């Protein structure tokens, strides 16, 4: 089982959510919507490169755009391996959170808050 780090999980879920529009700026904006964690572009691209090296995402280059001075956007798409890792992490979290009622009930039984 391959459990993702929180940063990897946030990046991959943002990419899934953004579908065909997942590139640096939109990924950053999506993460900022859900997380108080500040991420700078250098960290973002470093993390995306690591996900590429792990085989979780694949980058593709778009067409040059005038508003970017003729530069191309790099779009990211989840691979099968990335989807599997995300699914395994989700199952891990579900199992982990299923323990909570038992821990809370046990604490109350022992007179703890």
PDB file of N, CA and C in Angstrom:
ATOM      1  N   UNK A   1       0.855  -1.181   0.000  1.00  0.00           N
ATOM      2  CA  UNK A   1       0.000   0.000   0.000  1.00  0.00           C
ATOM      3  C   UNK A   1       0.890   1.231   0.000  1.00  0.00           C
ATOM      4  N   UNK A   2       0.546   2.200  -0.829  1.00  0.00           N
ATOM      5  CA  UNK A   2       1.314   3.419  -0.935  1.00  0.00           C
ATOM      6  C   UNK A   2       0.468   4.586  -0.444  1.00  0.00           C
ATOM      7  N   UNK A   3       0.802   5.119   0.732  1.00  0.00           N
ATOM      8  CA  UNK A   3       0.056   6.232   1.308  1.00  0.00           C
ATOM      9  C   UNK A   3       0.761   7.539   0.946  1.00  0.00           C
ATOM     10  N   UNK A   4       0.011   8.452   0.401  1.00  0.00           N
ATOM     11  CA  UNK A   4       0.537   9.748  -0.017  1.00  0.00           C
ATOM     12  C   UNK A   4       0.747  10.676   1.175  1.00  0.00           C
ATOM     13  N   UNK A   5       1.681  11.602   1.041  1.00  0.00           N
ATOM     14  CA  UNK A   5       1.805  12.666   2.032  1.00  0.00           C
ATOM     15  C   UNK A   5       0.624  13.620   1.847  1.00  0.00           C
ATOM     16  N   UNK A   6       0.395  14.469   2.826  1.00  0.00           N
ATOM     17  CA  UNK A   6      -0.705  15.422   2.711  1.00  0.00           C
ATOM     18  C   UNK A   6      -0.513  16.339   1.510  1.00  0.00           C
ATOM     19  N   UNK A   7       0.713  16.792   1.280  1.00  0.00           N
ATOM     20  CA  UNK A   7       0.982  17.659   0.130  1.00  0.00           C
ATOM     21  C   UNK A   7       0.700  16.944  -1.184  1.00  0.00           C
ATOM     22  N   UNK A   8       1.147  15.693  -1.292  1.00  0.00           N
ATOM     23  CA  UNK A   8       0.883  14.915  -2.504  1.00  0.00           C
ATOM     24  C   UNK A   8      -0.616  14.718  -2.708  1.00  0.00           C
ATOM     25  N   UNK A   9      -1.303  14.429  -1.623  1.00  0.00           N
ATOM     26  CA  UNK A   9      -2.754  14.222  -1.686  1.00  0.00           C
ATOM     27  C   UNK A   9      -3.476  15.487  -2.150  1.00  0.00           C
ATOM     28  N   UNK A  10      -3.072  16.640  -1.615  1.00  0.00           N
ATOM     29  CA  UNK A  10      -3.702  17.900  -2.025  1.00  0.00           C
ATOM     30  C   UNK A  10      -3.450  18.177  -3.505  1.00  0.00           C
ATOM     31  N   UNK A  11      -2.219  17.976  -3.943  1.00  0.00           N
ATOM     32  CA  UNK A  11      -1.898  18.221  -5.350  1.00  0.00           C
ATOM     33  C   UNK A  11      -2.680  17.293  -6.272  1.00  0.00           C
ATOM     34  N   UNK A  12      -2.699  16.011  -5.953  1.00  0.00           N
ATOM     35  CA  UNK A  12      -3.393  15.054  -6.827  1.00  0.00           C
ATOM     36  C   UNK A  12      -4.894  15.298  -6.846  1.00  0.00           C
ATOM     37  N   UNK A  13      -5.485  15.626  -5.700  1.00  0.00           N
ATOM     38  CA  UNK A  13      -6.927  15.884  -5.703  1.00  0.00           C
ATOM     39  C   UNK A  13      -7.246  17.174  -6.461  1.00  0.00           C
ATOM     40  N   UNK A  14      -6.369  18.173  -6.365  1.00  0.00           N
ATOM     41  CA  UNK A  14      -6.573  19.411  -7.141  1.00  0.00           C
ATOM     42  C   UNK A  14      -6.514  19.096  -8.631  1.00  0.00           C
ATOM     43  N   UNK A  15      -5.562  18.273  -9.038  1.00  0.00           N
ATOM     44  CA  UNK A  15      -5.432  17.903 -10.451  1.00  0.00           C
ATOM     45  C   UNK A  15      -6.660  17.155 -10.933  1.00  0.00           C
ATOM     46  N   UNK A  16      -7.158  16.237 -10.109  1.00  0.00           N
ATOM     47  CA  UNK A  16      -8.377  15.495 -10.478  1.00  0.00           C
ATOM     48  C   UNK A  16      -9.547  16.465 -10.625  1.00  0.00           C
ATOM     49  N   UNK A  17      -9.680  17.365  -9.670  1.00  0.00           N
ATOM     50  CA  UNK A  17     -10.797  18.313  -9.687  1.00  0.00           C
ATOM     51  C   UNK A  17     -10.746  19.247 -10.898  1.00  0.00           C
ATOM     52  N   UNK A  18      -9.551  19.680 -11.261  1.00  0.00           N
ATOM     53  CA  UNK A  18      -9.396  20.634 -12.363  1.00  0.00           C
ATOM     54  C   UNK A  18      -9.492  20.001 -13.743  1.00  0.00           C
ATOM     55  N   UNK A  19      -9.403  18.684 -13.800  1.00  0.00           N
ATOM     56  CA  UNK A  19      -9.492  17.918 -15.048  1.00  0.00           C
ATOM     57  C   UNK A  19      -8.501  18.431 -16.089  1.00  0.00           C
ATOM     58  N   UNK A  20      -8.980  18.894 -17.241  1.00  0.00           N
ATOM     59  CA  UNK A  20      -8.103  19.312 -18.342  1.00  0.00           C
ATOM     60  C   UNK A  20      -7.492  20.706 -18.152  1.00  0.00           C
ATOM     61  N   UNK A  21      -7.779  21.343 -17.041  1.00  0.00           N
ATOM     62  CA  UNK A  21      -7.279  22.696 -16.798  1.00  0.00           C
ATOM     63  C   UNK A  21      -6.290  22.734 -15.629  1.00  0.00           C
ATOM     64  N   UNK A  22      -5.592  21.626 -15.391  1.00  0.00           N
ATOM     65  CA  UNK A  22      -4.671  21.531 -14.256  1.00  0.00           C
ATOM     66  C   UNK A  22      -3.263  21.953 -14.664  1.00  0.00           C
ATOM     67  N   UNK A  23      -2.948  23.201 -14.408  1.00  0.00           N
ATOM     68  CA  UNK A  23      -1.582  23.700 -14.613  1.00  0.00           C
ATOM     69  C   UNK A  23      -1.226  24.529 -13.380  1.00  0.00           C
ATOM     70  N   UNK A  24       0.016  24.967 -13.278  1.00  0.00           N
ATOM     71  CA  UNK A  24       0.515  25.594 -12.066  1.00  0.00           C
ATOM     72  C   UNK A  24      -0.401  26.589 -11.382  1.00  0.00           C
ATOM     73  N   UNK A  25      -0.853  27.592 -12.107  1.00  0.00           N
ATOM     74  CA  UNK A  25      -1.672  28.660 -11.517  1.00  0.00           C
ATOM     75  C   UNK A  25      -3.008  28.118 -11.001  1.00  0.00           C
ATOM     76  N   UNK A  26      -3.678  27.286 -11.771  1.00  0.00           N
ATOM     77  CA  UNK A  26      -4.986  26.770 -11.339  1.00  0.00           C
ATOM     78  C   UNK A  26      -4.845  25.776 -10.188  1.00  0.00           C
ATOM     79  N   UNK A  27      -3.764  24.989 -10.208  1.00  0.00           N
ATOM     80  CA  UNK A  27      -3.520  24.054  -9.099  1.00  0.00           C
ATOM     81  C   UNK A  27      -3.288  24.839  -7.810  1.00  0.00           C
ATOM     82  N   UNK A  28      -2.460  25.871  -7.888  1.00  0.00           N
ATOM     83  CA  UNK A  28      -2.186  26.726  -6.735  1.00  0.00           C
ATOM     84  C   UNK A  28      -3.467  27.354  -6.205  1.00  0.00           C
ATOM     85  N   UNK A  29      -4.296  27.880  -7.077  1.00  0.00           N
ATOM     86  CA  UNK A  29      -5.552  28.513  -6.665  1.00  0.00           C
ATOM     87  C   UNK A  29      -6.479  27.504  -5.992  1.00  0.00           C
ATOM     88  N   UNK A  30      -6.556  26.308  -6.526  1.00  0.00           N
ATOM     89  CA  UNK A  30      -7.433  25.272  -5.956  1.00  0.00           C
ATOM     90  C   UNK A  30      -6.966  24.890  -4.558  1.00  0.00           C
ATOM     91  N   UNK A  31      -5.663  24.751  -4.373  1.00  0.00           N
ATOM     92  CA  UNK A  31      -5.140  24.396  -3.055  1.00  0.00           C
ATOM     93  C   UNK A  31      -5.397  25.520  -2.051  1.00  0.00           C
ATOM     94  N   UNK A  32      -5.269  26.753  -2.492  1.00  0.00           N
ATOM     95  CA  UNK A  32      -5.526  27.897  -1.605  1.00  0.00           C
ATOM     96  C   UNK A  32      -6.984  27.981  -1.188  1.00  0.00           C
ATOM     97  N   UNK A  33      -7.889  27.442  -1.995  1.00  0.00           N
ATOM     98  CA  UNK A  33      -9.321  27.429  -1.641  1.00  0.00           C
ATOM     99  C   UNK A  33      -9.579  26.559  -0.422  1.00  0.00           C
ATOM    100  N   UNK A  34      -8.823  25.476  -0.279  1.00  0.00           N
ATOM    101  CA  UNK A  34      -9.131  24.507   0.768  1.00  0.00           C
ATOM    102  C   UNK A  34      -8.121  24.440   1.899  1.00  0.00           C
ATOM    103  N   UNK A  35      -6.991  25.105   1.751  1.00  0.00           N
ATOM    104  CA  UNK A  35      -5.926  24.959   2.733  1.00  0.00           C
ATOM    105  C   UNK A  35      -5.378  26.303   3.164  1.00  0.00           C
ATOM    106  N   UNK A  36      -5.159  26.449   4.471  1.00  0.00           N
ATOM    107  CA  UNK A  36      -4.513  27.679   4.944  1.00  0.00           C
ATOM    108  C   UNK A  36      -3.004  27.645   4.704  1.00  0.00           C
ATOM    109  N   UNK A  37      -2.498  26.489   4.286  1.00  0.00           N
ATOM    110  CA  UNK A  37      -1.063  26.325   4.049  1.00  0.00           C
ATOM    111  C   UNK A  37      -0.638  27.168   2.850  1.00  0.00           C
ATOM    112  N   UNK A  38       0.391  27.989   3.062  1.00  0.00           N
ATOM    113  CA  UNK A  38       0.909  28.836   1.983  1.00  0.00           C
ATOM    114  C   UNK A  38       1.921  28.040   1.165  1.00  0.00           C
ATOM    115  N   UNK A  39       1.721  28.016  -0.127  1.00  0.00           N
ATOM    116  CA  UNK A  39       2.640  27.328  -1.029  1.00  0.00           C
ATOM    117  C   UNK A  39       3.112  28.351  -2.053  1.00  0.00           C
ATOM    118  N   UNK A  40       4.410  28.421  -2.273  1.00  0.00           N
ATOM    119  CA  UNK A  40       4.949  29.308  -3.291  1.00  0.00           C
ATOM    120  C   UNK A  40       5.178  28.494  -4.566  1.00  0.00           C
ATOM    121  N   UNK A  41       5.292  29.200  -5.696  1.00  0.00           N
ATOM    122  CA  UNK A  41       5.400  28.502  -6.976  1.00  0.00           C
ATOM    123  C   UNK A  41       6.617  27.579  -7.054  1.00  0.00           C
ATOM    124  N   UNK A  42       7.735  27.989  -6.464  1.00  0.00           N
ATOM    125  CA  UNK A  42       8.920  27.129  -6.486  1.00  0.00           C
ATOM    126  C   UNK A  42       8.654  25.789  -5.816  1.00  0.00           C
ATOM    127  N   UNK A  43       7.988  25.837  -4.673  1.00  0.00           N
ATOM    128  CA  UNK A  43       7.623  24.609  -3.951  1.00  0.00           C
ATOM    129  C   UNK A  43       6.610  23.792  -4.750  1.00  0.00           C
ATOM    130  N   UNK A  44       5.645  24.481  -5.351  1.00  0.00           N
ATOM    131  CA  UNK A  44       4.627  23.795  -6.146  1.00  0.00           C
ATOM    132  C   UNK A  44       5.264  23.013  -7.289  1.00  0.00           C
ATOM    133  N   UNK A  45       6.110  23.674  -8.057  1.00  0.00           N
ATOM    134  CA  UNK A  45       6.708  23.006  -9.212  1.00  0.00           C
ATOM    135  C   UNK A  45       7.693  21.912  -8.796  1.00  0.00           C
ATOM    136  N   UNK A  46       8.380  22.111  -7.683  1.00  0.00           N
ATOM    137  CA  UNK A  46       9.260  21.074  -7.159  1.00  0.00           C
ATOM    138  C   UNK A  46       8.436  19.834  -6.785  1.00  0.00           C
ATOM    139  N   UNK A  47       7.304  20.051  -6.123  1.00  0.00           N
ATOM    140  CA  UNK A  47       6.417  18.942  -5.729  1.00  0.00           C
ATOM    141  C   UNK A  47       5.821  18.256  -6.950  1.00  0.00           C
ATOM    142  N   UNK A  48       5.428  19.035  -7.951  1.00  0.00           N
ATOM    143  CA  UNK A  48       4.884  18.447  -9.173  1.00  0.00           C
ATOM    144  C   UNK A  48       5.947  17.606  -9.884  1.00  0.00           C
ATOM    145  N   UNK A  49       7.186  18.085  -9.902  1.00  0.00           N
ATOM    146  CA  UNK A  49       8.274  17.308 -10.504  1.00  0.00           C
ATOM    147  C   UNK A  49       8.463  15.976  -9.786  1.00  0.00           C
ATOM    148  N   UNK A  50       8.350  15.994  -8.462  1.00  0.00           N
ATOM    149  CA  UNK A  50       8.471  14.750  -7.694  1.00  0.00           C
ATOM    150  C   UNK A  50       7.338  13.781  -8.038  1.00  0.00           C
ATOM    151  N   UNK A  51       6.132  14.314  -8.219  1.00  0.00           N
ATOM    152  CA  UNK A  51       4.997  13.466  -8.598  1.00  0.00           C
ATOM    153  C   UNK A  51       5.206  12.868  -9.986  1.00  0.00           C
ATOM    154  N   UNK A  52       5.810  13.629 -10.878  1.00  0.00           N
ATOM    155  CA  UNK A  52       6.131  13.120 -12.218  1.00  0.00           C
ATOM    156  C   UNK A  52       7.139  11.980 -12.093  1.00  0.00           C
ATOM    157  N   UNK A  53       8.196  12.185 -11.299  1.00  0.00           N
ATOM    158  CA  UNK A  53       9.235  11.166 -11.122  1.00  0.00           C
ATOM    159  C   UNK A  53       8.690   9.892 -10.489  1.00  0.00           C
ATOM    160  N   UNK A  54       7.699  10.033  -9.601  1.00  0.00           N
ATOM    161  CA  UNK A  54       7.085   8.866  -8.969  1.00  0.00           C
ATOM    162  C   UNK A  54       6.106   8.160  -9.905  1.00  0.00           C
ATOM    163  N   UNK A  55       5.778   8.818 -11.019  1.00  0.00           N
ATOM    164  CA  UNK A  55       4.854   8.223 -11.975  1.00  0.00           C
ATOM    165  C   UNK A  55       3.388   8.450 -11.655  1.00  0.00           C
ATOM    166  N   UNK A  56       3.095   9.412 -10.776  1.00  0.00           N
ATOM    167  CA  UNK A  56       1.709   9.691 -10.391  1.00  0.00           C
ATOM    168  C   UNK A  56       1.011  10.640 -11.353  1.00  0.00           C
ATOM    169  N   UNK A  57       1.776  11.511 -11.996  1.00  0.00           N
ATOM    170  CA  UNK A  57       1.207  12.441 -12.968  1.00  0.00           C
ATOM    171  C   UNK A  57       2.094  12.487 -14.201  1.00  0.00           C
ATOM    172  N   UNK A  58       1.497  12.923 -15.290  1.00  0.00           N
ATOM    173  CA  UNK A  58       2.252  13.110 -16.526  1.00  0.00           C
ATOM    174  C   UNK A  58       2.024  14.547 -16.994  1.00  0.00           C
ATOM    175  N   UNK A  59       3.113  15.251 -17.331  1.00  0.00           N
ATOM    176  CA  UNK A  59       2.959  16.616 -17.833  1.00  0.00           C
ATOM    177  C   UNK A  59       2.775  16.622 -19.345  1.00  0.00           C
ATOM    178  N   UNK A  60       1.962  17.528 -19.829  1.00  0.00           N
ATOM    179  CA  UNK A  60       1.832  17.744 -21.268  1.00  0.00           C
ATOM    180  C   UNK A  60       1.912  19.244 -21.521  1.00  0.00           C
ATOM    181  N   UNK A  61       2.505  19.614 -22.614  1.00  0.00           N
ATOM    182  CA  UNK A  61       2.689  21.023 -22.940  1.00  0.00           C
ATOM    183  C   UNK A  61       1.583  21.498 -23.866  1.00  0.00           C
ATOM    184  N   UNK A  62       0.976  22.620 -23.491  1.00  0.00           N
ATOM    185  CA  UNK A  62      -0.074  23.213 -24.308  1.00  0.00           C
ATOM    186  C   UNK A  62       0.503  24.111 -25.381  1.00  0.00           C
ATOM    187  N   UNK A  63      -0.377  24.745 -26.105  1.00  0.00           N
ATOM    188  CA  UNK A  63       0.022  25.679 -27.169  1.00  0.00           C
ATOM    189  C   UNK A  63       0.511  26.990 -26.554  1.00  0.00           C
ATOM    190  N   UNK A  64       1.399  27.687 -27.254  1.00  0.00           N
ATOM    191  CA  UNK A  64       1.841  29.006 -26.760  1.00  0.00           C
ATOM    192  C   UNK A  64       0.667  29.985 -26.750  1.00  0.00           C
ATOM    193  N   UNK A  65       0.658  30.866 -25.749  1.00  0.00           N
ATOM    194  CA  UNK A  65      -0.420  31.854 -25.665  1.00  0.00           C
ATOM    195  C   UNK A  65       0.165  33.262 -25.614  1.00  0.00           C
ATOM    196  N   UNK A  66      -0.494  34.218 -26.265  1.00  0.00           N
ATOM    197  CA  UNK A  66       0.013  35.600 -26.278  1.00  0.00           C
ATOM    198  C   UNK A  66       0.072  36.203 -24.879  1.00  0.00           C
ATOM    199  N   UNK A  67      -0.917  35.892 -24.018  1.00  0.00           N
ATOM    200  CA  UNK A  67      -0.935  36.475 -22.678  1.00  0.00           C
ATOM    201  C   UNK A  67       0.203  35.956 -21.807  1.00  0.00           C
ATOM    202  N   UNK A  68       0.861  34.897 -22.210  1.00  0.00           N
ATOM    203  CA  UNK A  68       2.019  34.369 -21.484  1.00  0.00           C
ATOM    204  C   UNK A  68       3.318  34.691 -22.228  1.00  0.00           C
ATOM    205  N   UNK A  69       3.255  35.640 -23.129  1.00  0.00           N
ATOM    206  CA  UNK A  69       4.446  36.024 -23.880  1.00  0.00           C
ATOM    207  C   UNK A  69       4.932  34.922 -24.802  1.00  0.00           C
ATOM    208  N   UNK A  70       4.007  34.095 -25.275  1.00  0.00           N
ATOM    209  CA  UNK A  70       4.352  33.004 -26.183  1.00  0.00           C
ATOM    210  C   UNK A  70       4.805  31.731 -25.484  1.00  0.00           C
ATOM    211  N   UNK A  71       4.840  31.770 -24.144  1.00  0.00           N
ATOM    212  CA  UNK A  71       5.240  30.564 -23.405  1.00  0.00           C
ATOM    213  C   UNK A  71       4.075  29.581 -23.361  1.00  0.00           C
ATOM    214  N   UNK A  72       4.423  28.335 -23.206  1.00  0.00           N
ATOM    215  CA  UNK A  72       3.421  27.260 -23.149  1.00  0.00           C
ATOM    216  C   UNK A  72       3.096  26.899 -21.702  1.00  0.00           C
ATOM    217  N   UNK A  73       1.858  26.536 -21.451  1.00  0.00           N
ATOM    218  CA  UNK A  73       1.459  26.030 -20.139  1.00  0.00           C
ATOM    219  C   UNK A  73       1.795  24.545 -20.092  1.00  0.00           C
ATOM    220  N   UNK A  74       2.147  24.091 -18.905  1.00  0.00           N
ATOM    221  CA  UNK A  74       2.363  22.661 -18.687  1.00  0.00           C
ATOM    222  C   UNK A  74       1.176  22.155 -17.882  1.00  0.00           C
ATOM    223  N   UNK A  75       0.416  21.244 -18.475  1.00  0.00           N
ATOM    224  CA  UNK A  75      -0.758  20.657 -17.843  1.00  0.00           C
ATOM    225  C   UNK A  75      -0.383  19.318 -17.215  1.00  0.00           C
ATOM    226  N   UNK A  76      -1.049  18.982 -16.115  1.00  0.00           N
ATOM    227  CA  UNK A  76      -0.775  17.733 -15.410  1.00  0.00           C
ATOM    228  C   UNK A  76      -2.016  16.859 -15.386  1.00  0.00           C
ATOM    229  N   UNK A  77      -1.794  15.563 -15.621  1.00  0.00           N
ATOM    230  CA  UNK A  77      -2.875  14.577 -15.629  1.00  0.00           C
ATOM    231  C   UNK A  77      -2.456  13.397 -14.769  1.00  0.00           C
ATOM    232  N   UNK A  78      -3.389  12.874 -13.988  1.00  0.00           N
ATOM    233  CA  UNK A  78      -3.101  11.696 -13.181  1.00  0.00           C
ATOM    234  C   UNK A  78      -2.885  10.474 -14.055  1.00  0.00           C
ATOM    235  N   UNK A  79      -1.933   9.649 -13.653  1.00  0.00           N
ATOM    236  CA  UNK A  79      -1.711   8.365 -14.310  1.00  0.00           C
ATOM    237  C   UNK A  79      -2.504   7.301 -13.553  1.00  0.00           C
ATOM    238  N   UNK A  80      -2.503   6.108 -14.072  1.00  0.00           N
ATOM    239  CA  UNK A  80      -3.159   4.995 -13.386  1.00  0.00           C
ATOM    240  C   UNK A  80      -2.517   4.788 -12.006  1.00  0.00           C
ATOM    241  N   UNK A  81      -1.201   4.882 -11.962  1.00  0.00           N
ATOM    242  CA  UNK A  81      -0.474   4.735 -10.695  1.00  0.00           C
ATOM    243  C   UNK A  81      -0.883   5.824  -9.704  1.00  0.00           C
ATOM    244  N   UNK A  82      -1.069   7.049 -10.186  1.00  0.00           N
ATOM    245  CA  UNK A  82      -1.503   8.151  -9.333  1.00  0.00           C
ATOM    246  C   UNK A  82      -2.911   7.941  -8.804  1.00  0.00           C
ATOM    247  N   UNK A  83      -3.801   7.450  -9.660  1.00  0.00           N
ATOM    248  CA  UNK A  83      -5.175   7.167  -9.229  1.00  0.00           C
ATOM    249  C   UNK A  83      -5.193   6.072  -8.179  1.00  0.00           C
ATOM    250  N   UNK A  84      -4.362   5.047  -8.379  1.00  0.00           N
ATOM    251  CA  UNK A  84      -4.278   3.953  -7.417  1.00  0.00           C
ATOM    252  C   UNK A  84      -3.784   4.460  -6.071  1.00  0.00           C
ATOM    253  N   UNK A  85      -2.731   5.274  -6.082  1.00  0.00           N
ATOM    254  CA  UNK A  85      -2.189   5.822  -4.836  1.00  0.00           C
ATOM    255  C   UNK A  85      -3.223   6.703  -4.132  1.00  0.00           C
ATOM    256  N   UNK A  86      -3.971   7.483  -4.890  1.00  0.00           N
ATOM    257  CA  UNK A  86      -5.004   8.332  -4.308  1.00  0.00           C
ATOM    258  C   UNK A  86      -6.125   7.483  -3.710  1.00  0.00           C
ATOM    259  N   UNK A  87      -6.529   6.442  -4.409  1.00  0.00           N
ATOM    260  CA  UNK A  87      -7.564   5.537  -3.878  1.00  0.00           C
ATOM    261  C   UNK A  87      -7.090   4.818  -2.618  1.00  0.00           C
ATOM    262  N   UNK A  88      -5.840   4.364  -2.611  1.00  0.00           N
ATOM    263  CA  UNK A  88      -5.300   3.687  -1.429  1.00  0.00           C
ATOM    264  C   UNK A  88      -5.233   4.634  -0.240  1.00  0.00           C
ATOM    265  N   UNK A  89      -4.879   5.883  -0.487  1.00  0.00           N
ATOM    266  CA  UNK A  89      -4.813   6.877   0.580  1.00  0.00           C
ATOM    267  C   UNK A  89      -6.211   7.168   1.115  1.00  0.00           C
ATOM    268  N   UNK A  90      -7.185   7.245   0.221  1.00  0.00           N
ATOM    269  CA  UNK A  90      -8.566   7.480   0.660  1.00  0.00           C
ATOM    270  C   UNK A  90      -9.046   6.325   1.539  1.00  0.00           C
ATOM    271  N   UNK A  91      -8.781   5.101   1.142  1.00  0.00           N
ATOM    272  CA  UNK A  91      -9.181   3.937   1.944  1.00  0.00           C
ATOM    273  C   UNK A  91      -8.482   3.938   3.301  1.00  0.00           C
ATOM    274  N   UNK A  92      -7.198   4.317   3.299  1.00  0.00           N
ATOM    275  CA  UNK A  92      -6.456   4.412   4.551  1.00  0.00           C
ATOM    276  C   UNK A  92      -7.118   5.415   5.489  1.00  0.00           C
ATOM    277  N   UNK A  93      -7.467   6.604   4.960  1.00  0.00           N
ATOM    278  CA  UNK A  93      -8.123   7.633   5.783  1.00  0.00           C
ATOM    279  C   UNK A  93      -9.473   7.141   6.303  1.00  0.00           C
ATOM    280  N   UNK A  94     -10.240   6.466   5.469  1.00  0.00           N
ATOM    281  CA  UNK A  94     -11.533   5.945   5.912  1.00  0.00           C
ATOM    282  C   UNK A  94     -11.355   4.973   7.067  1.00  0.00           C
ATOM    283  N   UNK A  95     -10.400   4.076   6.938  1.00  0.00           N
ATOM    284  CA  UNK A  95     -10.127   3.109   8.008  1.00  0.00           C
ATOM    285  C   UNK A  95      -9.668   3.825   9.263  1.00  0.00           C
ATOM    286  N   UNK A  96      -8.779   4.785   9.097  1.00  0.00           N
ATOM    287  CA  UNK A  96      -8.265   5.546  10.221  1.00  0.00           C
ATOM    288  C   UNK A  96      -9.389   6.265  10.958  1.00  0.00           C
ATOM    289  N   UNK A  97     -10.271   6.927  10.220  1.00  0.00           N
ATOM    290  CA  UNK A  97     -11.362   7.676  10.841  1.00  0.00           C
ATOM    291  C   UNK A  97     -12.432   6.779  11.444  1.00  0.00           C
ATOM    292  N   UNK A  98     -12.525   5.550  10.980  1.00  0.00           N
ATOM    293  CA  UNK A  98     -13.476   4.604  11.580  1.00  0.00           C
ATOM    294  C   UNK A  98     -13.088   4.274  13.016  1.00  0.00           C
ATOM    295  N   UNK A  99     -11.840   4.430  13.366  1.00  0.00           N
ATOM    296  CA  UNK A  99     -11.381   4.173  14.731  1.00  0.00           C
ATOM    297  C   UNK A  99     -11.858   5.233  15.713  1.00  0.00           C
ATOM    298  N   UNK A 100     -12.123   6.423  15.243  1.00  0.00           N
ATOM    299  CA  UNK A 100     -12.434   7.553  16.121  1.00  0.00           C
ATOM    300  C   UNK A 100     -13.599   7.276  17.076  1.00  0.00           C
ATOM    301  N   UNK A 101     -14.750   6.779  16.616  1.00  0.00           N
ATOM    302  CA  UNK A 101     -15.840   6.525  17.569  1.00  0.00           C
ATOM    303  C   UNK A 101     -15.412   5.593  18.700  1.00  0.00           C
ATOM    304  N   UNK A 102     -14.604   4.584  18.401  1.00  0.00           N
ATOM    305  CA  UNK A 102     -14.145   3.662  19.435  1.00  0.00           C
ATOM    306  C   UNK A 102     -13.235   4.359  20.432  1.00  0.00           C
ATOM    307  N   UNK A 103     -12.363   5.224  19.974  1.00  0.00           N
ATOM    308  CA  UNK A 103     -11.450   5.953  20.856  1.00  0.00           C
ATOM    309  C   UNK A 103     -12.234   6.910  21.743  1.00  0.00           C
ATOM    310  N   UNK A 104     -13.200   7.627  21.160  1.00  0.00           N
ATOM    311  CA  UNK A 104     -14.012   8.578  21.915  1.00  0.00           C
ATOM    312  C   UNK A 104     -14.840   7.838  22.960  1.00  0.00           C
ATOM    313  N   UNK A 105     -15.475   6.734  22.575  1.00  0.00           N
ATOM    314  CA  UNK A 105     -16.293   5.956  23.498  1.00  0.00           C
ATOM    315  C   UNK A 105     -15.431   5.400  24.635  1.00  0.00           C
ATOM    316  N   UNK A 106     -14.249   4.907  24.318  1.00  0.00           N
ATOM    317  CA  UNK A 106     -13.350   4.353  25.337  1.00  0.00           C
ATOM    318  C   UNK A 106     -12.919   5.437  26.317  1.00  0.00           C
ATOM    319  N   UNK A 107     -12.630   6.636  25.810  1.00  0.00           N
ATOM    320  CA  UNK A 107     -12.213   7.746  26.667  1.00  0.00           C
ATOM    321  C   UNK A 107     -13.327   8.132  27.618  1.00  0.00           C
ATOM    322  N   UNK A 108     -14.548   8.195  27.141  1.00  0.00           N
ATOM    323  CA  UNK A 108     -15.692   8.540  28.000  1.00  0.00           C
ATOM    324  C   UNK A 108     -15.914   7.479  29.054  1.00  0.00           C
ATOM    325  N   UNK A 109     -15.734   6.232  28.667  1.00  0.00           N
ATOM    326  CA  UNK A 109     -15.908   5.106  29.588  1.00  0.00           C
ATOM    327  C   UNK A 109     -14.894   5.173  30.729  1.00  0.00           C
ATOM    328  N   UNK A 110     -13.696   5.641  30.410  1.00  0.00           N
ATOM    329  CA  UNK A 110     -12.645   5.757  31.426  1.00  0.00           C
ATOM    330  C   UNK A 110     -12.656   7.101  32.144  1.00  0.00           C
ATOM    331  N   UNK A 111     -13.648   7.936  31.872  1.00  0.00           N
ATOM    332  CA  UNK A 111     -13.799   9.219  32.536  1.00  0.00           C
ATOM    333  C   UNK A 111     -12.895  10.310  31.995  1.00  0.00           C
ATOM    334  N   UNK A 112     -12.380  10.107  30.793  1.00  0.00           N
ATOM    335  CA  UNK A 112     -11.518  11.112  30.182  1.00  0.00           C
ATOM    336  C   UNK A 112     -12.336  11.958  29.215  1.00  0.00           C
ATOM    337  N   UNK A 113     -11.870  13.180  28.982  1.00  0.00           N
ATOM    338  CA  UNK A 113     -12.536  14.044  28.010  1.00  0.00           C
ATOM    339  C   UNK A 113     -12.038  13.782  26.645  1.00  0.00           C
TER     340      UNK A 113
END
